[in-house]
Amino acid sequence: MIDGQRVLGLITARGGSKGLPGKNIRILRGKPLLAWTADAAKASCYLDALVLSTDSEEIAEVGRRHGVSVPFLRPPELASDTATSVDVVEHALQFLAEQGQRFDIVALLEPTSPLRETKDIDSALALMRDSRADSVVSVCSAESIHPAFMFSMSDRGLLKSTQPGGFKVLRRQELEPLFFLEGTIYASRIDTLLADRTFCQANTAGYEVPKWKAPEIDDIVDFLHVESIMTHMGLGE
């Protein structure tokens, strides 16, 4: 709870991953990928409940073993490539409301960002409160992926700079600070989320995470990258 408002932590983990089959329960440094998010969330001082939304009984069992409530299995249509995160959140909220559990804020926590720490969850929610924002999303500074360094390519393979007037060599100190969305946390007041159907609303705060925390696991390259970071930092086994 934060300022008298009840907060739901919602972990989303569908079974049908194409980029890395079985990724949500794949063992990463001694425990299933899902468990890294579960353990960080369970230690939060603001989450009033922690629920897993999944369509897979195998993933659900892993969630239960790691202390996450799994009160339902997500219907197949909400585990498809076309289902949105807001669709999944709304389904969970409706189910819980029917059980007499109502919340004011929801924090979406995706297992694919296992470098998240408890302090990231709590600091992001505190930022939303202190900035009087309706939502908060985690971001990372755009450095090598800054738009000033990007090009489009023609059918003939010719490059065209995204910079107005053509490409200019700029020092990093000259670049306008820009940020990209990454997956550590998406949180919102439930009324504005359901009205706008997005976590990125008109009154959204950005919680900045360092570069090393930003990788998200979508394929084996991402998995090995995160595994290497964890090994270097002595996380896990």
Protein backbone atom coordinates (compact mmCIF):
# COMPACT_ATOMS: atom_id res chain seq x y z
CA MET A 1 0.00 0.00 0.00
CA ILE A 2 1.18 3.50 -0.79
CA ASP A 3 -0.62 6.58 0.52
CA GLY A 4 -3.59 4.42 1.45
CA GLN A 5 -3.89 2.96 -2.05
CA ARG A 6 -3.76 -0.78 -2.61
CA VAL A 7 -1.13 -1.97 -5.08
CA LEU A 8 -1.27 -5.17 -7.11
CA GLY A 9 1.96 -6.69 -8.38
CA LEU A 10 1.15 -8.64 -11.54
CA ILE A 11 3.69 -11.00 -13.11
CA THR A 12 2.82 -11.97 -16.68
CA ALA A 13 4.32 -15.13 -18.18
CA ARG A 14 2.70 -16.93 -21.08
CA GLY A 15 3.79 -20.37 -22.18
CA GLY A 16 4.24 -19.82 -25.90
CA SER A 17 7.54 -18.02 -26.32
CA LYS A 18 8.81 -18.20 -29.91
CA GLY A 19 12.15 -16.42 -29.52
CA LEU A 20 13.31 -18.70 -26.69
CA PRO A 21 10.95 -21.62 -26.00
CA GLY A 22 10.29 -22.17 -22.31
CA LYS A 23 12.16 -19.00 -21.38
CA ASN A 24 9.99 -18.03 -18.39
CA ILE A 25 11.01 -21.16 -16.49
CA ARG A 26 14.44 -21.66 -18.06
CA ILE A 27 17.11 -21.97 -15.35
CA LEU A 28 19.15 -18.79 -14.99
CA ARG A 29 22.00 -18.85 -12.47
CA GLY A 30 20.40 -21.58 -10.37
CA LYS A 31 16.69 -20.76 -10.48
CA PRO A 32 13.89 -20.34 -13.04
CA LEU A 33 13.78 -17.01 -14.83
CA LEU A 34 10.37 -16.31 -13.31
CA ALA A 35 11.77 -16.71 -9.79
CA TRP A 36 14.06 -13.68 -10.12
CA THR A 37 11.05 -11.42 -10.55
CA ALA A 38 9.05 -13.23 -7.86
CA ASP A 39 11.79 -12.88 -5.26
CA ALA A 40 12.30 -9.17 -5.96
CA ALA A 41 8.56 -8.49 -5.81
CA LYS A 42 7.94 -10.46 -2.60
CA ALA A 43 10.34 -8.15 -0.74
CA SER A 44 8.59 -4.96 -1.86
CA CYS A 45 7.19 -2.77 0.90
CA TYR A 46 4.41 -1.42 -1.33
CA LEU A 47 2.83 -4.45 -3.03
CA ASP A 48 -0.30 -5.69 -1.25
CA ALA A 49 -0.64 -8.81 -3.40
CA LEU A 50 1.50 -10.63 -5.95
CA VAL A 51 -0.31 -12.56 -8.68
CA LEU A 52 0.91 -14.54 -11.68
CA SER A 53 -1.07 -14.44 -14.92
CA THR A 54 -0.18 -17.37 -17.17
CA ASP A 55 -1.87 -19.79 -19.55
CA SER A 56 0.54 -22.61 -18.61
CA GLU A 57 0.02 -24.98 -15.70
CA GLU A 58 3.75 -25.74 -15.74
CA ILE A 59 4.60 -22.05 -15.31
CA ALA A 60 1.84 -21.72 -12.71
CA GLU A 61 3.38 -24.51 -10.62
CA VAL A 62 6.80 -22.81 -10.76
CA GLY A 63 5.15 -19.59 -9.62
CA ARG A 64 3.45 -21.30 -6.69
CA ARG A 65 6.73 -22.92 -5.62
CA HIS A 66 8.27 -19.46 -5.47
CA GLY A 67 5.53 -17.89 -3.40
CA VAL A 68 3.34 -16.28 -6.03
CA SER A 69 -0.45 -16.55 -6.01
CA VAL A 70 -1.94 -18.16 -9.14
CA PRO A 71 -5.72 -17.83 -8.70
CA PHE A 72 -6.55 -18.50 -12.36
CA LEU A 73 -5.13 -19.62 -15.69
CA ARG A 74 -5.27 -17.02 -18.45
CA PRO A 75 -7.62 -17.92 -21.33
CA PRO A 76 -5.90 -18.86 -24.63
CA GLU A 77 -7.02 -15.70 -26.43
CA LEU A 78 -5.04 -13.64 -23.91
CA ALA A 79 -1.89 -15.71 -24.51
CA SER A 80 -1.72 -14.96 -28.23
CA ASP A 81 0.70 -12.67 -30.06
CA THR A 82 -2.10 -10.14 -30.55
CA ALA A 83 -3.18 -9.83 -26.91
CA THR A 84 -1.95 -6.62 -25.28
CA SER A 85 -0.52 -6.15 -21.80
CA VAL A 86 -3.53 -4.01 -20.88
CA ASP A 87 -5.88 -6.82 -21.98
CA VAL A 88 -4.03 -9.19 -19.66
CA VAL A 89 -4.06 -6.69 -16.78
CA GLU A 90 -7.78 -6.02 -17.21
CA HIS A 91 -8.57 -9.76 -17.14
CA ALA A 92 -6.64 -10.18 -13.89
CA LEU A 93 -8.30 -7.16 -12.29
CA GLN A 94 -11.77 -8.38 -13.23
CA PHE A 95 -11.11 -11.86 -11.86
CA LEU A 96 -9.75 -10.51 -8.58
CA ALA A 97 -12.61 -8.02 -8.23
CA GLU A 98 -15.07 -10.91 -8.51
CA GLN A 99 -13.22 -12.50 -5.58
CA GLY A 100 -13.60 -9.30 -3.55
CA GLN A 101 -10.05 -8.07 -4.11
CA ARG A 102 -9.85 -4.50 -5.43
CA PHE A 103 -6.79 -2.38 -6.10
CA ASP A 104 -5.99 1.23 -6.96
CA ILE A 105 -2.60 0.74 -8.64
CA VAL A 106 -1.14 -2.10 -10.68
CA ALA A 107 2.57 -2.77 -11.19
CA LEU A 108 3.30 -4.97 -14.21
CA LEU A 109 6.44 -7.06 -13.66
CA GLU A 110 7.70 -9.09 -16.62
CA PRO A 111 10.04 -12.06 -15.93
CA THR A 112 12.11 -11.08 -18.97
CA SER A 113 13.79 -8.34 -16.89
CA PRO A 114 15.48 -10.45 -14.19
CA LEU A 115 18.07 -7.81 -13.24
CA ARG A 116 15.33 -5.83 -11.50
CA GLU A 117 15.83 -5.33 -7.77
CA THR A 118 13.26 -4.76 -5.04
CA LYS A 119 14.46 -1.18 -4.69
CA ASP A 120 13.55 -0.57 -8.34
CA ILE A 121 9.94 -1.57 -7.71
CA ASP A 122 9.64 0.54 -4.58
CA SER A 123 11.55 3.53 -5.95
CA ALA A 124 9.44 3.61 -9.13
CA LEU A 125 6.21 3.54 -7.14
CA ALA A 126 7.53 6.24 -4.81
CA LEU A 127 8.43 8.36 -7.84
CA MET A 128 4.90 8.01 -9.18
CA ARG A 129 3.55 9.18 -5.84
CA ASP A 130 6.01 12.03 -5.31
CA SER A 131 5.70 13.39 -8.86
CA ARG A 132 1.90 13.11 -8.71
CA ALA A 133 2.00 11.13 -11.92
CA ASP A 134 -0.72 8.76 -13.05
CA SER A 135 1.80 6.16 -14.18
CA VAL A 136 5.50 5.35 -14.16
CA VAL A 137 7.57 3.40 -16.67
CA SER A 138 11.21 2.39 -16.49
CA VAL A 139 13.59 3.89 -19.02
CA CYS A 140 17.28 3.79 -19.86
CA SER A 141 19.46 6.46 -21.42
CA ALA A 142 19.86 6.08 -25.18
CA GLU A 143 23.60 6.05 -25.89
CA SER A 144 24.81 3.94 -28.81
CA ILE A 145 21.18 3.63 -29.93
CA HIS A 146 20.58 7.38 -29.90
CA PRO A 147 18.54 8.45 -32.97
CA ALA A 148 21.41 10.74 -34.04
CA PHE A 149 23.42 7.61 -34.85
CA MET A 150 20.63 5.89 -36.78
CA PHE A 151 19.92 5.54 -40.50
CA SER A 152 17.18 4.27 -42.75
CA MET A 153 18.13 2.17 -45.80
CA SER A 154 16.82 2.35 -49.35
CA ASP A 155 15.99 -0.63 -51.55
CA ARG A 156 19.47 -0.21 -53.11
CA GLY A 157 21.14 -0.40 -49.71
CA LEU A 158 21.90 3.32 -49.47
CA LEU A 159 21.84 4.94 -46.04
CA LYS A 160 19.91 8.05 -45.08
CA SER A 161 20.58 9.73 -41.73
CA THR A 162 17.72 10.43 -39.35
CA GLN A 163 19.36 13.78 -38.60
CA PRO A 164 17.80 16.79 -40.36
CA GLY A 165 20.18 17.98 -43.08
CA GLY A 166 22.18 14.76 -43.17
CA PHE A 167 24.59 12.96 -40.86
CA LYS A 168 26.85 15.01 -38.60
CA VAL A 169 29.51 13.60 -36.33
CA LEU A 170 28.46 14.57 -32.82
CA ARG A 171 30.15 14.01 -29.48
CA ARG A 172 27.99 12.26 -26.92
CA GLN A 173 28.11 15.42 -24.80
CA GLU A 174 26.35 17.27 -27.62
CA LEU A 175 23.44 14.87 -27.87
CA GLU A 176 20.02 15.71 -26.50
CA PRO A 177 19.37 13.32 -23.61
CA LEU A 178 16.85 10.74 -24.80
CA PHE A 179 15.52 7.57 -23.20
CA PHE A 180 14.06 4.29 -24.38
CA LEU A 181 11.48 2.10 -22.67
CA GLU A 182 12.85 -1.03 -21.05
CA GLY A 183 11.04 -3.66 -19.05
CA THR A 184 11.91 -3.26 -15.38
CA ILE A 185 8.49 -1.91 -14.35
CA TYR A 186 5.28 -0.48 -15.74
CA ALA A 187 2.88 0.86 -13.09
CA SER A 188 -0.28 2.90 -13.25
CA ARG A 189 -3.34 4.03 -11.43
CA ILE A 190 -5.93 1.56 -12.60
CA ASP A 191 -8.57 4.10 -13.62
CA THR A 192 -6.25 5.94 -16.02
CA LEU A 193 -4.78 2.69 -17.37
CA LEU A 194 -8.17 1.33 -18.32
CA ALA A 195 -9.23 4.68 -19.78
CA ASP A 196 -6.09 5.23 -21.89
CA ARG A 197 -5.28 1.52 -22.57
CA THR A 198 -1.56 2.22 -22.15
CA PHE A 199 0.99 2.71 -19.39
CA CYS A 200 2.48 5.67 -21.32
CA GLN A 201 -0.08 8.33 -20.56
CA ALA A 202 -0.14 12.14 -20.60
CA ASN A 203 1.10 12.26 -16.99
CA THR A 204 3.75 9.53 -16.89
CA ALA A 205 6.97 9.61 -14.87
CA GLY A 206 10.16 7.96 -16.08
CA TYR A 207 12.14 5.82 -13.65
CA GLU A 208 15.69 5.63 -14.99
CA VAL A 209 17.67 2.41 -14.64
CA PRO A 210 21.37 1.99 -15.43
CA LYS A 211 22.49 0.35 -18.65
CA TRP A 212 23.42 -2.96 -17.02
CA LYS A 213 19.86 -3.49 -15.77
CA ALA A 214 18.17 -2.72 -19.09
CA PRO A 215 18.59 -5.99 -21.06
CA GLU A 216 15.35 -7.92 -21.65
CA ILE A 217 15.37 -11.62 -22.49
CA ASP A 218 13.64 -12.38 -25.77
CA ASP A 219 16.08 -14.87 -27.33
CA ILE A 220 19.17 -16.93 -26.53
CA VAL A 221 21.54 -14.02 -27.20
CA ASP A 222 19.71 -11.91 -24.59
CA PHE A 223 19.72 -14.84 -22.16
CA LEU A 224 23.48 -15.34 -22.47
CA HIS A 225 24.04 -11.59 -22.14
CA VAL A 226 22.08 -11.41 -18.86
CA GLU A 227 23.67 -14.61 -17.60
CA SER A 228 27.10 -13.07 -18.19
CA ILE A 229 26.15 -9.92 -16.28
CA MET A 230 24.87 -11.99 -13.36
CA THR A 231 28.01 -14.11 -13.34
CA HIS A 232 30.19 -11.00 -13.30
CA MET A 233 28.20 -9.53 -10.41
CA GLY A 234 28.08 -12.77 -8.43
CA LEU A 235 24.30 -13.08 -8.58
CA GLY A 236 22.76 -16.52 -8.14
CA GLU A 237 24.77 -19.73 -7.94
